[in-house]
């Protein structure tokens, strides 16, 4: 797991914030920028985090070519689409905390 997730952000909190950003953004390309600003992520950290989420199949990349966004200057426009697996993790963590 990346240093960002291990050291700074619990995965459930990050997924919850991604879900909120996705829901509050008219364009899915705006969500990553919101997350980077919210957690003060550098472009390199955001790229590392995005690769981790893709590896764990927590974000869906079926409708676009992710390599086009996984570079500095382009990462802020990465279209965030949480997978069903990620949404289920969010629901499970919410149910556990109640």
Protein backbone atom coordinates (compact mmCIF):
# COMPACT_ATOMS: atom_id res chain seq x y z
CA UNK A 1 0.00 0.00 0.00
CA UNK A 2 1.22 3.47 -0.68
CA UNK A 3 2.69 5.71 2.00
CA UNK A 4 -0.22 8.11 1.63
CA UNK A 5 -2.80 5.51 2.58
CA UNK A 6 -0.61 3.91 5.26
CA UNK A 7 0.64 7.09 6.90
CA UNK A 8 -2.06 9.70 6.39
CA UNK A 9 -5.38 8.37 5.21
CA UNK A 10 -7.37 5.33 6.24
CA UNK A 11 -8.69 3.66 3.10
CA UNK A 12 -12.32 3.86 4.23
CA UNK A 13 -12.05 7.62 4.85
CA UNK A 14 -10.42 8.15 1.47
CA UNK A 15 -13.11 6.12 -0.30
CA UNK A 16 -15.84 8.03 1.54
CA UNK A 17 -14.30 11.35 0.46
CA UNK A 18 -13.92 10.11 -3.13
CA UNK A 19 -17.56 9.04 -3.13
CA UNK A 20 -18.67 12.43 -1.81
CA UNK A 21 -16.52 14.27 -4.36
CA UNK A 22 -17.91 12.07 -7.13
CA UNK A 23 -21.49 12.73 -6.05
CA UNK A 24 -20.95 16.50 -5.68
CA UNK A 25 -19.25 16.96 -9.06
CA UNK A 26 -21.21 17.55 -12.23
CA UNK A 27 -18.24 16.29 -14.29
CA UNK A 28 -16.42 13.21 -13.03
CA UNK A 29 -13.16 14.91 -14.03
CA UNK A 30 -13.64 17.46 -11.20
CA UNK A 31 -13.58 14.94 -8.34
CA UNK A 32 -9.83 14.22 -8.36
CA UNK A 33 -9.01 17.92 -8.16
CA UNK A 34 -11.29 18.22 -5.11
CA UNK A 35 -9.56 15.27 -3.43
CA UNK A 36 -6.09 16.61 -4.17
CA UNK A 37 -7.03 19.96 -2.66
CA UNK A 38 -8.85 18.43 0.33
CA UNK A 39 -5.89 16.25 1.35
CA UNK A 40 -3.10 18.51 0.02
CA UNK A 41 -1.82 15.80 -2.31
CA UNK A 42 0.96 16.50 -4.75
CA UNK A 43 0.56 15.28 -8.32
CA UNK A 44 3.01 12.44 -7.66
CA UNK A 45 1.06 11.34 -4.58
CA UNK A 46 -2.21 11.49 -6.51
CA UNK A 47 -0.75 9.36 -9.29
CA UNK A 48 0.53 6.82 -6.75
CA UNK A 49 -2.84 6.77 -5.00
CA UNK A 50 -4.76 6.37 -8.26
CA UNK A 51 -2.55 3.45 -9.32
CA UNK A 52 -3.20 1.79 -5.95
CA UNK A 53 -6.97 2.24 -6.29
CA UNK A 54 -6.88 0.82 -9.82
CA UNK A 55 -4.76 -2.13 -8.66
CA UNK A 56 -7.24 -2.90 -5.88
CA UNK A 57 -10.13 -2.45 -8.36
CA UNK A 58 -11.69 0.30 -6.25
CA UNK A 59 -12.10 2.69 -9.18
CA UNK A 60 -13.42 1.79 -12.59
CA UNK A 61 -11.43 2.68 -15.70
CA UNK A 62 -13.38 0.78 -18.32
CA UNK A 63 -14.75 3.80 -20.16
CA UNK A 64 -11.42 5.59 -20.77
CA UNK A 65 -7.67 5.03 -21.11
CA UNK A 66 -6.17 5.71 -17.66
CA UNK A 67 -2.59 6.11 -18.94
CA UNK A 68 -3.56 9.43 -20.50
CA UNK A 69 -4.27 10.84 -17.02
CA UNK A 70 -1.52 9.17 -14.99
CA UNK A 71 1.04 11.92 -15.49
CA UNK A 72 1.70 15.32 -13.95
CA UNK A 73 -0.65 18.08 -15.12
CA UNK A 74 -3.22 15.50 -16.26
CA UNK A 75 -3.90 13.71 -12.96
CA UNK A 76 -6.20 16.50 -11.71
CA UNK A 77 -8.59 15.58 -14.56
CA UNK A 78 -8.63 11.83 -13.79
CA UNK A 79 -12.30 10.76 -14.00
CA UNK A 80 -13.21 9.20 -10.65
CA UNK A 81 -15.76 6.39 -10.86
CA UNK A 82 -15.87 4.22 -7.77
CA UNK A 83 -16.42 0.55 -8.40
CA UNK A 84 -19.16 -1.53 -6.79
CA UNK A 85 -16.46 -3.08 -4.61
CA UNK A 86 -15.49 0.35 -3.24
CA UNK A 87 -19.10 1.37 -2.61
CA UNK A 88 -19.70 -1.89 -0.74
CA UNK A 89 -16.61 -1.19 1.41
CA UNK A 90 -17.99 2.24 2.25
CA UNK A 91 -21.38 0.77 3.19
CA UNK A 92 -19.76 -1.94 5.32
CA UNK A 93 -17.59 0.55 7.20
CA UNK A 94 -20.63 2.79 7.78
CA UNK A 95 -22.64 -0.15 9.11
CA UNK A 96 -19.76 -1.22 11.39
CA UNK A 97 -19.46 2.25 12.91
CA UNK A 98 -23.15 2.37 13.86
